[in-house]
Full PDB file with SEQRES, HELIX, SHEET, SSBOND, CRYST1, ORIGX, SCALE, CONECT and MASTER records, all heavy atoms in Angstrom:
SEQRES   1 A   41  ARG PRO GLU SER ALA HIS ASP LEU ALA SER LEU ALA ARG          
SEQRES   2 A   41  ALA THR HIS VAL SER ALA ARG SER LEU GLN LYS ALA TYR          
SEQRES   3 A   41  ARG ARG GLU LEU ASP THR SER VAL VAL GLU TYR VAL ARG          
SEQRES   4 A   41  GLY ALA                                                      
HELIX    1 AA1 LEU A    8  THR A   15  1                                   8    
HELIX    2 AA2 ALA A   19  LEU A   30  1                                  12    
HELIX    3 AA3 VAL A   34  GLY A   40  1                                   7    
CRYST1    1.000    1.000    1.000  90.00  90.00  90.00 P 1           1          
ORIGX1      1.000000  0.000000  0.000000        0.00000                         
ORIGX2      0.000000  1.000000  0.000000        0.00000                         
ORIGX3      0.000000  0.000000  1.000000        0.00000                         
SCALE1      1.000000  0.000000  0.000000        0.00000                         
SCALE2      0.000000  1.000000  0.000000        0.00000                         
SCALE3      0.000000  0.000000  1.000000        0.00000                         
ATOM      1  N   ARG A   1     -20.680 -20.471  10.732  1.00  0.00           N  
ATOM      2  CA  ARG A   1     -22.027 -20.990  10.498  1.00  0.00           C  
ATOM      3  C   ARG A   1     -22.465 -20.641   9.077  1.00  0.00           C  
ATOM      4  O   ARG A   1     -23.360 -19.832   8.874  1.00  0.00           O  
ATOM      5  CB  ARG A   1     -22.996 -20.415  11.520  1.00  0.00           C  
ATOM      6  CG  ARG A   1     -22.677 -20.887  12.933  1.00  0.00           C  
ATOM      7  CD  ARG A   1     -23.790 -20.760  13.928  1.00  0.00           C  
ATOM      8  NE  ARG A   1     -25.109 -21.081  13.488  1.00  0.00           N  
ATOM      9  CZ  ARG A   1     -25.679 -22.290  13.595  1.00  0.00           C  
ATOM     10  NH1 ARG A   1     -25.008 -23.288  14.104  1.00  0.00           N  
ATOM     11  NH2 ARG A   1     -26.910 -22.489  13.198  1.00  0.00           N  
ATOM     12  N   PRO A   2     -21.854 -21.261   8.080  1.00  0.00           N  
ATOM     13  CA  PRO A   2     -22.170 -20.901   6.702  1.00  0.00           C  
ATOM     14  C   PRO A   2     -23.599 -21.228   6.289  1.00  0.00           C  
ATOM     15  O   PRO A   2     -24.131 -20.619   5.368  1.00  0.00           O  
ATOM     16  CB  PRO A   2     -21.163 -21.705   5.878  1.00  0.00           C  
ATOM     17  CG  PRO A   2     -20.735 -22.808   6.750  1.00  0.00           C  
ATOM     18  CD  PRO A   2     -20.827 -22.291   8.161  1.00  0.00           C  
ATOM     19  N   GLU A   3     -24.224 -22.168   6.974  1.00  0.00           N  
ATOM     20  CA  GLU A   3     -25.590 -22.541   6.621  1.00  0.00           C  
ATOM     21  C   GLU A   3     -26.623 -21.534   7.117  1.00  0.00           C  
ATOM     22  O   GLU A   3     -27.785 -21.571   6.712  1.00  0.00           O  
ATOM     23  CB  GLU A   3     -25.914 -23.944   7.169  1.00  0.00           C  
ATOM     24  CG  GLU A   3     -26.129 -24.013   8.659  1.00  0.00           C  
ATOM     25  CD  GLU A   3     -24.854 -23.982   9.514  1.00  0.00           C  
ATOM     26  OE1 GLU A   3     -23.750 -23.820   8.978  1.00  0.00           O  
ATOM     27  OE2 GLU A   3     -24.985 -24.116  10.738  1.00  0.00           O  
ATOM     28  N   SER A   4     -26.219 -20.622   7.990  1.00  0.00           N  
ATOM     29  CA  SER A   4     -27.136 -19.609   8.514  1.00  0.00           C  
ATOM     30  C   SER A   4     -27.535 -18.620   7.426  1.00  0.00           C  
ATOM     31  O   SER A   4     -26.863 -18.476   6.419  1.00  0.00           O  
ATOM     32  CB  SER A   4     -26.483 -18.848   9.666  1.00  0.00           C  
ATOM     33  OG  SER A   4     -26.250 -19.716  10.740  1.00  0.00           O  
ATOM     34  N   ALA A   5     -28.604 -17.922   7.682  1.00  0.00           N  
ATOM     35  CA  ALA A   5     -29.152 -16.970   6.700  1.00  0.00           C  
ATOM     36  C   ALA A   5     -28.404 -15.644   6.750  1.00  0.00           C  
ATOM     37  O   ALA A   5     -28.968 -14.607   7.096  1.00  0.00           O  
ATOM     38  CB  ALA A   5     -30.643 -16.773   6.948  1.00  0.00           C  
ATOM     39  N   HIS A   6     -27.135 -15.670   6.414  1.00  0.00           N  
ATOM     40  CA  HIS A   6     -26.339 -14.450   6.395  1.00  0.00           C  
ATOM     41  C   HIS A   6     -26.702 -13.630   5.160  1.00  0.00           C  
ATOM     42  O   HIS A   6     -26.826 -14.167   4.072  1.00  0.00           O  
ATOM     43  CB  HIS A   6     -24.840 -14.772   6.319  1.00  0.00           C  
ATOM     44  CG  HIS A   6     -24.324 -15.569   7.462  1.00  0.00           C  
ATOM     45  ND1 HIS A   6     -24.305 -15.088   8.749  1.00  0.00           N  
ATOM     46  CD2 HIS A   6     -23.814 -16.817   7.513  1.00  0.00           C  
ATOM     47  CE1 HIS A   6     -23.795 -16.009   9.549  1.00  0.00           C  
ATOM     48  NE2 HIS A   6     -23.491 -17.071   8.825  1.00  0.00           N  
ATOM     49  N   ASP A   7     -26.851 -12.352   5.365  1.00  0.00           N  
ATOM     50  CA  ASP A   7     -26.984 -11.434   4.242  1.00  0.00           C  
ATOM     51  C   ASP A   7     -26.237 -10.162   4.595  1.00  0.00           C  
ATOM     52  O   ASP A   7     -25.741  -9.999   5.720  1.00  0.00           O  
ATOM     53  CB  ASP A   7     -28.451 -11.170   3.873  1.00  0.00           C  
ATOM     54  CG  ASP A   7     -29.250 -10.511   4.995  1.00  0.00           C  
ATOM     55  OD1 ASP A   7     -28.649  -9.947   5.938  1.00  0.00           O  
ATOM     56  OD2 ASP A   7     -30.479 -10.552   4.926  1.00  0.00           O  
ATOM     57  N   LEU A   8     -26.131  -9.280   3.647  1.00  0.00           N  
ATOM     58  CA  LEU A   8     -25.353  -8.065   3.841  1.00  0.00           C  
ATOM     59  C   LEU A   8     -25.843  -7.266   5.044  1.00  0.00           C  
ATOM     60  O   LEU A   8     -25.049  -6.848   5.886  1.00  0.00           O  
ATOM     61  CB  LEU A   8     -25.382  -7.217   2.566  1.00  0.00           C  
ATOM     62  CG  LEU A   8     -24.617  -5.908   2.603  1.00  0.00           C  
ATOM     63  CD1 LEU A   8     -23.142  -6.139   2.912  1.00  0.00           C  
ATOM     64  CD2 LEU A   8     -24.775  -5.180   1.272  1.00  0.00           C  
ATOM     65  N   ALA A   9     -27.144  -7.093   5.159  1.00  0.00           N  
ATOM     66  CA  ALA A   9     -27.694  -6.285   6.250  1.00  0.00           C  
ATOM     67  C   ALA A   9     -27.409  -6.898   7.621  1.00  0.00           C  
ATOM     68  O   ALA A   9     -26.993  -6.195   8.550  1.00  0.00           O  
ATOM     69  CB  ALA A   9     -29.195  -6.092   6.049  1.00  0.00           C  
ATOM     70  N   SER A  10     -27.618  -8.208   7.758  1.00  0.00           N  
ATOM     71  CA  SER A  10     -27.404  -8.835   9.070  1.00  0.00           C  
ATOM     72  C   SER A  10     -25.923  -8.836   9.445  1.00  0.00           C  
ATOM     73  O   SER A  10     -25.577  -8.640  10.615  1.00  0.00           O  
ATOM     74  CB  SER A  10     -27.958 -10.262   9.081  1.00  0.00           C  
ATOM     75  OG  SER A  10     -27.238 -11.107   8.214  1.00  0.00           O  
ATOM     76  N   LEU A  11     -25.055  -9.044   8.471  1.00  0.00           N  
ATOM     77  CA  LEU A  11     -23.621  -9.011   8.757  1.00  0.00           C  
ATOM     78  C   LEU A  11     -23.158  -7.598   9.099  1.00  0.00           C  
ATOM     79  O   LEU A  11     -22.314  -7.417   9.984  1.00  0.00           O  
ATOM     80  CB  LEU A  11     -22.830  -9.572   7.579  1.00  0.00           C  
ATOM     81  CG  LEU A  11     -22.975 -11.078   7.369  1.00  0.00           C  
ATOM     82  CD1 LEU A  11     -22.424 -11.488   6.015  1.00  0.00           C  
ATOM     83  CD2 LEU A  11     -22.304 -11.854   8.489  1.00  0.00           C  
ATOM     84  N   ALA A  12     -23.711  -6.608   8.446  1.00  0.00           N  
ATOM     85  CA  ALA A  12     -23.367  -5.220   8.759  1.00  0.00           C  
ATOM     86  C   ALA A  12     -23.785  -4.887  10.195  1.00  0.00           C  
ATOM     87  O   ALA A  12     -23.016  -4.281  10.946  1.00  0.00           O  
ATOM     88  CB  ALA A  12     -24.025  -4.274   7.760  1.00  0.00           C  
ATOM     89  N   ARG A  13     -24.980  -5.314  10.577  1.00  0.00           N  
ATOM     90  CA  ARG A  13     -25.434  -5.068  11.955  1.00  0.00           C  
ATOM     91  C   ARG A  13     -24.527  -5.776  12.958  1.00  0.00           C  
ATOM     92  O   ARG A  13     -24.130  -5.202  13.974  1.00  0.00           O  
ATOM     93  CB  ARG A  13     -26.875  -5.553  12.140  1.00  0.00           C  
ATOM     94  CG  ARG A  13     -27.920  -4.592  11.643  1.00  0.00           C  
ATOM     95  CD  ARG A  13     -29.322  -4.985  12.098  1.00  0.00           C  
ATOM     96  NE  ARG A  13     -29.701  -6.332  11.715  1.00  0.00           N  
ATOM     97  CZ  ARG A  13     -30.207  -6.677  10.530  1.00  0.00           C  
ATOM     98  NH1 ARG A  13     -30.409  -5.751   9.610  1.00  0.00           N  
ATOM     99  NH2 ARG A  13     -30.530  -7.930  10.274  1.00  0.00           N  
ATOM    100  N   ALA A  14     -24.189  -7.006  12.673  1.00  0.00           N  
ATOM    101  CA  ALA A  14     -23.364  -7.794  13.592  1.00  0.00           C  
ATOM    102  C   ALA A  14     -21.957  -7.232  13.737  1.00  0.00           C  
ATOM    103  O   ALA A  14     -21.326  -7.392  14.784  1.00  0.00           O  
ATOM    104  CB  ALA A  14     -23.287  -9.247  13.115  1.00  0.00           C  
ATOM    105  N   THR A  15     -21.468  -6.572  12.712  1.00  0.00           N  
ATOM    106  CA  THR A  15     -20.107  -6.030  12.746  1.00  0.00           C  
ATOM    107  C   THR A  15     -20.069  -4.538  13.043  1.00  0.00           C  
ATOM    108  O   THR A  15     -18.998  -3.944  13.081  1.00  0.00           O  
ATOM    109  CB  THR A  15     -19.376  -6.316  11.417  1.00  0.00           C  
ATOM    110  OG1 THR A  15     -20.124  -5.745  10.342  1.00  0.00           O  
ATOM    111  CG2 THR A  15     -19.203  -7.801  11.194  1.00  0.00           C  
ATOM    112  N   HIS A  16     -21.242  -3.938  13.211  1.00  0.00           N  
ATOM    113  CA  HIS A  16     -21.367  -2.523  13.585  1.00  0.00           C  
ATOM    114  C   HIS A  16     -20.758  -1.575  12.551  1.00  0.00           C  
ATOM    115  O   HIS A  16     -20.112  -0.589  12.905  1.00  0.00           O  
ATOM    116  CB  HIS A  16     -20.758  -2.269  14.971  1.00  0.00           C  
ATOM    117  CG  HIS A  16     -21.282  -3.188  16.019  1.00  0.00           C  
ATOM    118  ND1 HIS A  16     -22.572  -3.124  16.489  1.00  0.00           N  
ATOM    119  CD2 HIS A  16     -20.698  -4.233  16.660  1.00  0.00           C  
ATOM    120  CE1 HIS A  16     -22.771  -4.069  17.386  1.00  0.00           C  
ATOM    121  NE2 HIS A  16     -21.639  -4.761  17.512  1.00  0.00           N  
ATOM    122  N   VAL A  17     -20.958  -1.917  11.278  1.00  0.00           N  
ATOM    123  CA  VAL A  17     -20.553  -1.023  10.191  1.00  0.00           C  
ATOM    124  C   VAL A  17     -21.719  -0.926   9.218  1.00  0.00           C  
ATOM    125  O   VAL A  17     -22.646  -1.730   9.259  1.00  0.00           O  
ATOM    126  CB  VAL A  17     -19.289  -1.522   9.444  1.00  0.00           C  
ATOM    127  CG1 VAL A  17     -18.091  -1.597  10.379  1.00  0.00           C  
ATOM    128  CG2 VAL A  17     -19.527  -2.860   8.781  1.00  0.00           C  
ATOM    129  N   SER A  18     -21.655   0.041   8.355  1.00  0.00           N  
ATOM    130  CA  SER A  18     -22.720   0.161   7.360  1.00  0.00           C  
ATOM    131  C   SER A  18     -22.582  -0.945   6.315  1.00  0.00           C  
ATOM    132  O   SER A  18     -21.488  -1.488   6.096  1.00  0.00           O  
ATOM    133  CB  SER A  18     -22.666   1.527   6.673  1.00  0.00           C  
ATOM    134  OG  SER A  18     -21.544   1.603   5.809  1.00  0.00           O  
ATOM    135  N   ALA A  19     -23.689  -1.265   5.688  1.00  0.00           N  
ATOM    136  CA  ALA A  19     -23.667  -2.281   4.634  1.00  0.00           C  
ATOM    137  C   ALA A  19     -22.720  -1.867   3.516  1.00  0.00           C  
ATOM    138  O   ALA A  19     -21.956  -2.685   2.997  1.00  0.00           O  
ATOM    139  CB  ALA A  19     -25.076  -2.503   4.089  1.00  0.00           C  
ATOM    140  N   ARG A  20     -22.732  -0.619   3.180  1.00  0.00           N  
ATOM    141  CA  ARG A  20     -21.854  -0.120   2.121  1.00  0.00           C  
ATOM    142  C   ARG A  20     -20.380  -0.295   2.495  1.00  0.00           C  
ATOM    143  O   ARG A  20     -19.566  -0.715   1.679  1.00  0.00           O  
ATOM    144  CB  ARG A  20     -22.185   1.335   1.830  1.00  0.00           C  
ATOM    145  CG  ARG A  20     -21.379   1.918   0.707  1.00  0.00           C  
ATOM    146  CD  ARG A  20     -21.815   3.363   0.450  1.00  0.00           C  
ATOM    147  NE  ARG A  20     -20.916   4.002  -0.460  1.00  0.00           N  
ATOM    148  CZ  ARG A  20     -21.248   4.430  -1.662  1.00  0.00           C  
ATOM    149  NH1 ARG A  20     -22.485   4.291  -2.081  1.00  0.00           N  
ATOM    150  NH2 ARG A  20     -20.363   5.019  -2.419  1.00  0.00           N  
ATOM    151  N   SER A  21     -20.033   0.030   3.744  1.00  0.00           N  
ATOM    152  CA  SER A  21     -18.644  -0.129   4.197  1.00  0.00           C  
ATOM    153  C   SER A  21     -18.217  -1.582   4.164  1.00  0.00           C  
ATOM    154  O   SER A  21     -17.099  -1.910   3.748  1.00  0.00           O  
ATOM    155  CB  SER A  21     -18.465   0.418   5.611  1.00  0.00           C  
ATOM    156  OG  SER A  21     -18.654   1.801   5.626  1.00  0.00           O  
ATOM    157  N   LEU A  22     -19.103  -2.464   4.601  1.00  0.00           N  
ATOM    158  CA  LEU A  22     -18.780  -3.886   4.599  1.00  0.00           C  
ATOM    159  C   LEU A  22     -18.595  -4.391   3.171  1.00  0.00           C  
ATOM    160  O   LEU A  22     -17.635  -5.104   2.874  1.00  0.00           O  
ATOM    161  CB  LEU A  22     -19.867  -4.687   5.311  1.00  0.00           C  
ATOM    162  CG  LEU A  22     -19.577  -6.160   5.528  1.00  0.00           C  
ATOM    163  CD1 LEU A  22     -18.331  -6.374   6.369  1.00  0.00           C  
ATOM    164  CD2 LEU A  22     -20.776  -6.835   6.178  1.00  0.00           C  
ATOM    165  N   GLN A  23     -19.489  -3.987   2.292  1.00  0.00           N  
ATOM    166  CA  GLN A  23     -19.393  -4.409   0.902  1.00  0.00           C  
ATOM    167  C   GLN A  23     -18.087  -3.912   0.264  1.00  0.00           C  
ATOM    168  O   GLN A  23     -17.405  -4.654  -0.435  1.00  0.00           O  
ATOM    169  CB  GLN A  23     -20.610  -3.897   0.121  1.00  0.00           C  
ATOM    170  CG  GLN A  23     -20.719  -4.444  -1.259  1.00  0.00           C  
ATOM    171  CD  GLN A  23     -21.116  -5.904  -1.285  1.00  0.00           C  
ATOM    172  OE1 GLN A  23     -20.430  -6.774  -0.749  1.00  0.00           O  
ATOM    173  NE2 GLN A  23     -22.220  -6.195  -1.929  1.00  0.00           N  
ATOM    174  N   LYS A  24     -17.747  -2.667   0.538  1.00  0.00           N  
ATOM    175  CA  LYS A  24     -16.497  -2.114   0.006  1.00  0.00           C  
ATOM    176  C   LYS A  24     -15.283  -2.872   0.544  1.00  0.00           C  
ATOM    177  O   LYS A  24     -14.328  -3.124  -0.189  1.00  0.00           O  
ATOM    178  CB  LYS A  24     -16.376  -0.628   0.344  1.00  0.00           C  
ATOM    179  CG  LYS A  24     -17.207   0.267  -0.514  1.00  0.00           C  
ATOM    180  CD  LYS A  24     -16.953   1.714  -0.139  1.00  0.00           C  
ATOM    181  CE  LYS A  24     -17.648   2.660  -1.077  1.00  0.00           C  
ATOM    182  NZ  LYS A  24     -17.365   4.074  -0.742  1.00  0.00           N  
ATOM    183  N   ALA A  25     -15.315  -3.230   1.812  1.00  0.00           N  
ATOM    184  CA  ALA A  25     -14.193  -3.966   2.417  1.00  0.00           C  
ATOM    185  C   ALA A  25     -14.032  -5.337   1.760  1.00  0.00           C  
ATOM    186  O   ALA A  25     -12.914  -5.759   1.464  1.00  0.00           O  
ATOM    187  CB  ALA A  25     -14.408  -4.118   3.917  1.00  0.00           C  
ATOM    188  N   TYR A  26     -15.134  -6.024   1.523  1.00  0.00           N  
ATOM    189  CA  TYR A  26     -15.056  -7.327   0.855  1.00  0.00           C  
ATOM    190  C   TYR A  26     -14.499  -7.176  -0.556  1.00  0.00           C  
ATOM    191  O   TYR A  26     -13.672  -7.971  -0.986  1.00  0.00           O  
ATOM    192  CB  TYR A  26     -16.433  -8.002   0.807  1.00  0.00           C  
ATOM    193  CG  TYR A  26     -16.658  -8.915   1.979  1.00  0.00           C  
ATOM    194  CD1 TYR A  26     -16.957  -8.405   3.242  1.00  0.00           C  
ATOM    195  CD2 TYR A  26     -16.566 -10.281   1.841  1.00  0.00           C  
ATOM    196  CE1 TYR A  26     -17.163  -9.234   4.321  1.00  0.00           C  
ATOM    197  CE2 TYR A  26     -16.768 -11.134   2.916  1.00  0.00           C  
ATOM    198  CZ  TYR A  26     -17.055 -10.596   4.146  1.00  0.00           C  
ATOM    199  OH  TYR A  26     -17.245 -11.430   5.225  1.00  0.00           O  
ATOM    200  N   ARG A  27     -14.964  -6.173  -1.247  1.00  0.00           N  
ATOM    201  CA  ARG A  27     -14.496  -5.965  -2.620  1.00  0.00           C  
ATOM    202  C   ARG A  27     -13.002  -5.637  -2.633  1.00  0.00           C  
ATOM    203  O   ARG A  27     -12.239  -6.175  -3.408  1.00  0.00           O  
ATOM    204  CB  ARG A  27     -15.323  -4.843  -3.266  1.00  0.00           C  
ATOM    205  CG  ARG A  27     -15.104  -4.632  -4.715  1.00  0.00           C  
ATOM    206  CD  ARG A  27     -15.357  -5.820  -5.620  1.00  0.00           C  
ATOM    207  NE  ARG A  27     -16.723  -6.270  -5.644  1.00  0.00           N  
ATOM    208  CZ  ARG A  27     -17.086  -7.456  -6.139  1.00  0.00           C  
ATOM    209  NH1 ARG A  27     -16.194  -8.273  -6.650  1.00  0.00           N  
ATOM    210  NH2 ARG A  27     -18.328  -7.839  -6.126  1.00  0.00           N  
ATOM    211  N   ARG A  28     -12.591  -4.766  -1.708  1.00  0.00           N  
ATOM    212  CA  ARG A  28     -11.194  -4.326  -1.647  1.00  0.00           C  
ATOM    213  C   ARG A  28     -10.258  -5.437  -1.164  1.00  0.00           C  
ATOM    214  O   ARG A  28      -9.212  -5.680  -1.749  1.00  0.00           O  
ATOM    215  CB  ARG A  28     -11.089  -3.106  -0.724  1.00  0.00           C  
ATOM    216  CG  ARG A  28      -9.690  -2.502  -0.609  1.00  0.00           C  
ATOM    217  CD  ARG A  28      -9.641  -1.313   0.356  1.00  0.00           C  
ATOM    218  NE  ARG A  28     -10.027  -1.702   1.707  1.00  0.00           N  
ATOM    219  CZ  ARG A  28     -11.147  -1.315   2.324  1.00  0.00           C  
ATOM    220  NH1 ARG A  28     -12.007  -0.507   1.738  1.00  0.00           N  
ATOM    221  NH2 ARG A  28     -11.426  -1.709   3.554  1.00  0.00           N  
ATOM    222  N   GLU A  29     -10.641  -6.115  -0.096  1.00  0.00           N  
ATOM    223  CA  GLU A  29      -9.756  -7.096   0.537  1.00  0.00           C  
ATOM    224  C   GLU A  29      -9.829  -8.500  -0.075  1.00  0.00           C  
ATOM    225  O   GLU A  29      -8.829  -9.207  -0.114  1.00  0.00           O  
ATOM    226  CB  GLU A  29     -10.071  -7.200   2.038  1.00  0.00           C  
ATOM    227  CG  GLU A  29      -9.930  -5.904   2.791  1.00  0.00           C  
ATOM    228  CD  GLU A  29      -8.501  -5.404   2.857  1.00  0.00           C  
ATOM    229  OE1 GLU A  29      -7.587  -6.242   2.941  1.00  0.00           O  
ATOM    230  OE2 GLU A  29      -8.304  -4.182   2.807  1.00  0.00           O  
ATOM    231  N   LEU A  30     -11.015  -8.892  -0.532  1.00  0.00           N  
ATOM    232  CA  LEU A  30     -11.204 -10.257  -1.005  1.00  0.00           C  
ATOM    233  C   LEU A  30     -11.604 -10.339  -2.477  1.00  0.00           C  
ATOM    234  O   LEU A  30     -11.783 -11.437  -3.008  1.00  0.00           O  
ATOM    235  CB  LEU A  30     -12.271 -10.965  -0.151  1.00  0.00           C  
ATOM    236  CG  LEU A  30     -11.972 -11.026   1.353  1.00  0.00           C  
ATOM    237  CD1 LEU A  30     -13.167 -11.581   2.111  1.00  0.00           C  
ATOM    238  CD2 LEU A  30     -10.731 -11.859   1.606  1.00  0.00           C  
ATOM    239  N   ASP A  31     -11.796  -9.200  -3.100  1.00  0.00           N  
ATOM    240  CA  ASP A  31     -12.197  -9.119  -4.505  1.00  0.00           C  
ATOM    241  C   ASP A  31     -13.474  -9.909  -4.785  1.00  0.00           C  
ATOM    242  O   ASP A  31     -13.580 -10.646  -5.767  1.00  0.00           O  
ATOM    243  CB  ASP A  31     -11.061  -9.586  -5.424  1.00  0.00           C  
ATOM    244  CG  ASP A  31     -11.307  -9.194  -6.877  1.00  0.00           C  
ATOM    245  OD1 ASP A  31     -11.938  -8.142  -7.104  1.00  0.00           O  
ATOM    246  OD2 ASP A  31     -10.880  -9.951  -7.775  1.00  0.00           O  
ATOM    247  N   THR A  32     -14.429  -9.785  -3.876  1.00  0.00           N  
ATOM    248  CA  THR A  32     -15.715 -10.455  -4.028  1.00  0.00           C  
ATOM    249  C   THR A  32     -16.768  -9.670  -3.266  1.00  0.00           C  
ATOM    250  O   THR A  32     -16.436  -8.749  -2.522  1.00  0.00           O  
ATOM    251  CB  THR A  32     -15.643 -11.916  -3.522  1.00  0.00           C  
ATOM    252  OG1 THR A  32     -16.819 -12.603  -3.932  1.00  0.00           O  
ATOM    253  CG2 THR A  32     -15.473 -12.000  -2.021  1.00  0.00           C  
ATOM    254  N   SER A  33     -18.014 -10.028  -3.437  1.00  0.00           N  
ATOM    255  CA  SER A  33     -19.082  -9.410  -2.660  1.00  0.00           C  
ATOM    256  C   SER A  33     -19.384 -10.284  -1.442  1.00  0.00           C  
ATOM    257  O   SER A  33     -18.965 -11.448  -1.379  1.00  0.00           O  
ATOM    258  CB  SER A  33     -20.342  -9.260  -3.512  1.00  0.00           C  
ATOM    259  OG  SER A  33     -20.922 -10.529  -3.749  1.00  0.00           O  
ATOM    260  N   VAL A  34     -20.117  -9.726  -0.516  1.00  0.00           N  
ATOM    261  CA  VAL A  34     -20.507 -10.488   0.675  1.00  0.00           C  
ATOM    262  C   VAL A  34     -21.338 -11.704   0.258  1.00  0.00           C  
ATOM    263  O   VAL A  34     -21.097 -12.819   0.721  1.00  0.00           O  
ATOM    264  CB  VAL A  34     -21.287  -9.592   1.661  1.00  0.00           C  
ATOM    265  CG1 VAL A  34     -21.854 -10.411   2.809  1.00  0.00           C  
ATOM    266  CG2 VAL A  34     -20.400  -8.478   2.183  1.00  0.00           C  
ATOM    267  N   VAL A  35     -22.293 -11.498  -0.613  1.00  0.00           N  
ATOM    268  CA  VAL A  35     -23.164 -12.592  -1.055  1.00  0.00           C  
ATOM    269  C   VAL A  35     -22.349 -13.696  -1.736  1.00  0.00           C  
ATOM    270  O   VAL A  35     -22.557 -14.885  -1.479  1.00  0.00           O  
ATOM    271  CB  VAL A  35     -24.264 -12.056  -1.999  1.00  0.00           C  
ATOM    272  CG1 VAL A  35     -25.038 -13.181  -2.647  1.00  0.00           C  
ATOM    273  CG2 VAL A  35     -25.199 -11.130  -1.240  1.00  0.00           C  
ATOM    274  N   GLU A  36     -21.415 -13.317  -2.581  1.00  0.00           N  
ATOM    275  CA  GLU A  36     -20.573 -14.312  -3.250  1.00  0.00           C  
ATOM    276  C   GLU A  36     -19.692 -15.062  -2.246  1.00  0.00           C  
ATOM    277  O   GLU A  36     -19.466 -16.261  -2.386  1.00  0.00           O  
ATOM    278  CB  GLU A  36     -19.708 -13.648  -4.316  1.00  0.00           C  
ATOM    279  CG  GLU A  36     -20.501 -13.155  -5.499  1.00  0.00           C  
ATOM    280  CD  GLU A  36     -19.710 -12.213  -6.389  1.00  0.00           C  
ATOM    281  OE1 GLU A  36     -18.645 -11.704  -5.957  1.00  0.00           O  
ATOM    282  OE2 GLU A  36     -20.163 -11.972  -7.510  1.00  0.00           O  
ATOM    283  N   TYR A  37     -19.218 -14.359  -1.232  1.00  0.00           N  
ATOM    284  CA  TYR A  37     -18.391 -15.007  -0.211  1.00  0.00           C  
ATOM    285  C   TYR A  37     -19.210 -16.032   0.567  1.00  0.00           C  
ATOM    286  O   TYR A  37     -18.751 -17.154   0.803  1.00  0.00           O  
ATOM    287  CB  TYR A  37     -17.795 -13.965   0.736  1.00  0.00           C  
ATOM    288  CG  TYR A  37     -16.777 -14.560   1.671  1.00  0.00           C  
ATOM    289  CD1 TYR A  37     -15.444 -14.643   1.304  1.00  0.00           C  
ATOM    290  CD2 TYR A  37     -17.152 -15.076   2.907  1.00  0.00           C  
ATOM    291  CE1 TYR A  37     -14.501 -15.215   2.138  1.00  0.00           C  
ATOM    292  CE2 TYR A  37     -16.226 -15.656   3.756  1.00  0.00           C  
ATOM    293  CZ  TYR A  37     -14.901 -15.713   3.364  1.00  0.00           C  
ATOM    294  OH  TYR A  37     -13.977 -16.298   4.194  1.00  0.00           O  
ATOM    295  N   VAL A  38     -20.423 -15.646   0.961  1.00  0.00           N  
ATOM    296  CA  VAL A  38     -21.302 -16.574   1.682  1.00  0.00           C  
ATOM    297  C   VAL A  38     -21.577 -17.796   0.809  1.00  0.00           C  
ATOM    298  O   VAL A  38     -21.472 -18.940   1.271  1.00  0.00           O  
ATOM    299  CB  VAL A  38     -22.620 -15.880   2.095  1.00  0.00           C  
ATOM    300  CG1 VAL A  38     -23.625 -16.892   2.613  1.00  0.00           C  
ATOM    301  CG2 VAL A  38     -22.368 -14.802   3.134  1.00  0.00           C  
ATOM    302  N   ARG A  39     -21.922 -17.574  -0.440  1.00  0.00           N  
ATOM    303  CA  ARG A  39     -22.202 -18.684  -1.348  1.00  0.00           C  
ATOM    304  C   ARG A  39     -20.976 -19.603  -1.478  1.00  0.00           C  
ATOM    305  O   ARG A  39     -21.098 -20.827  -1.447  1.00  0.00           O  
ATOM    306  CB  ARG A  39     -22.598 -18.166  -2.722  1.00  0.00           C  
ATOM    307  CG  ARG A  39     -22.972 -19.282  -3.677  1.00  0.00           C  
ATOM    308  CD  ARG A  39     -23.312 -18.757  -5.062  1.00  0.00           C  
ATOM    309  NE  ARG A  39     -24.347 -17.762  -5.011  1.00  0.00           N  
ATOM    310  CZ  ARG A  39     -24.306 -16.599  -5.683  1.00  0.00           C  
ATOM    311  NH1 ARG A  39     -23.286 -16.299  -6.462  1.00  0.00           N  
ATOM    312  NH2 ARG A  39     -25.297 -15.738  -5.587  1.00  0.00           N  
ATOM    313  N   GLY A  40     -19.808 -19.022  -1.611  1.00  0.00           N  
ATOM    314  CA  GLY A  40     -18.588 -19.819  -1.731  1.00  0.00           C  
ATOM    315  C   GLY A  40     -18.327 -20.673  -0.509  1.00  0.00           C  
ATOM    316  O   GLY A  40     -17.935 -21.839  -0.623  1.00  0.00           O  
ATOM    317  N   ALA A  41     -18.546 -20.110   0.677  1.00  0.00           N  
ATOM    318  CA  ALA A  41     -18.353 -20.876   1.915  1.00  0.00           C  
ATOM    319  C   ALA A  41     -19.334 -22.039   1.972  1.00  0.00           C  
ATOM    320  O   ALA A  41     -18.964 -23.166   2.320  1.00  0.00           O  
ATOM    321  CB  ALA A  41     -18.530 -19.965   3.125  1.00  0.00           C  
TER     322      ALA A  41                                                      
MASTER        0    0    0    3    0    0    0    6  321    1    0    4          
END                                                                             
């Protein structure tokens, strides 16, 4: 659902991890931020 209002906080809650952990995972695994990934999708 790329058109949904995804942001770092809501995705962190949905995945049961901290926002910082999620952001680090995106940077490490995809070389991008969560916001940039959402925008790209």
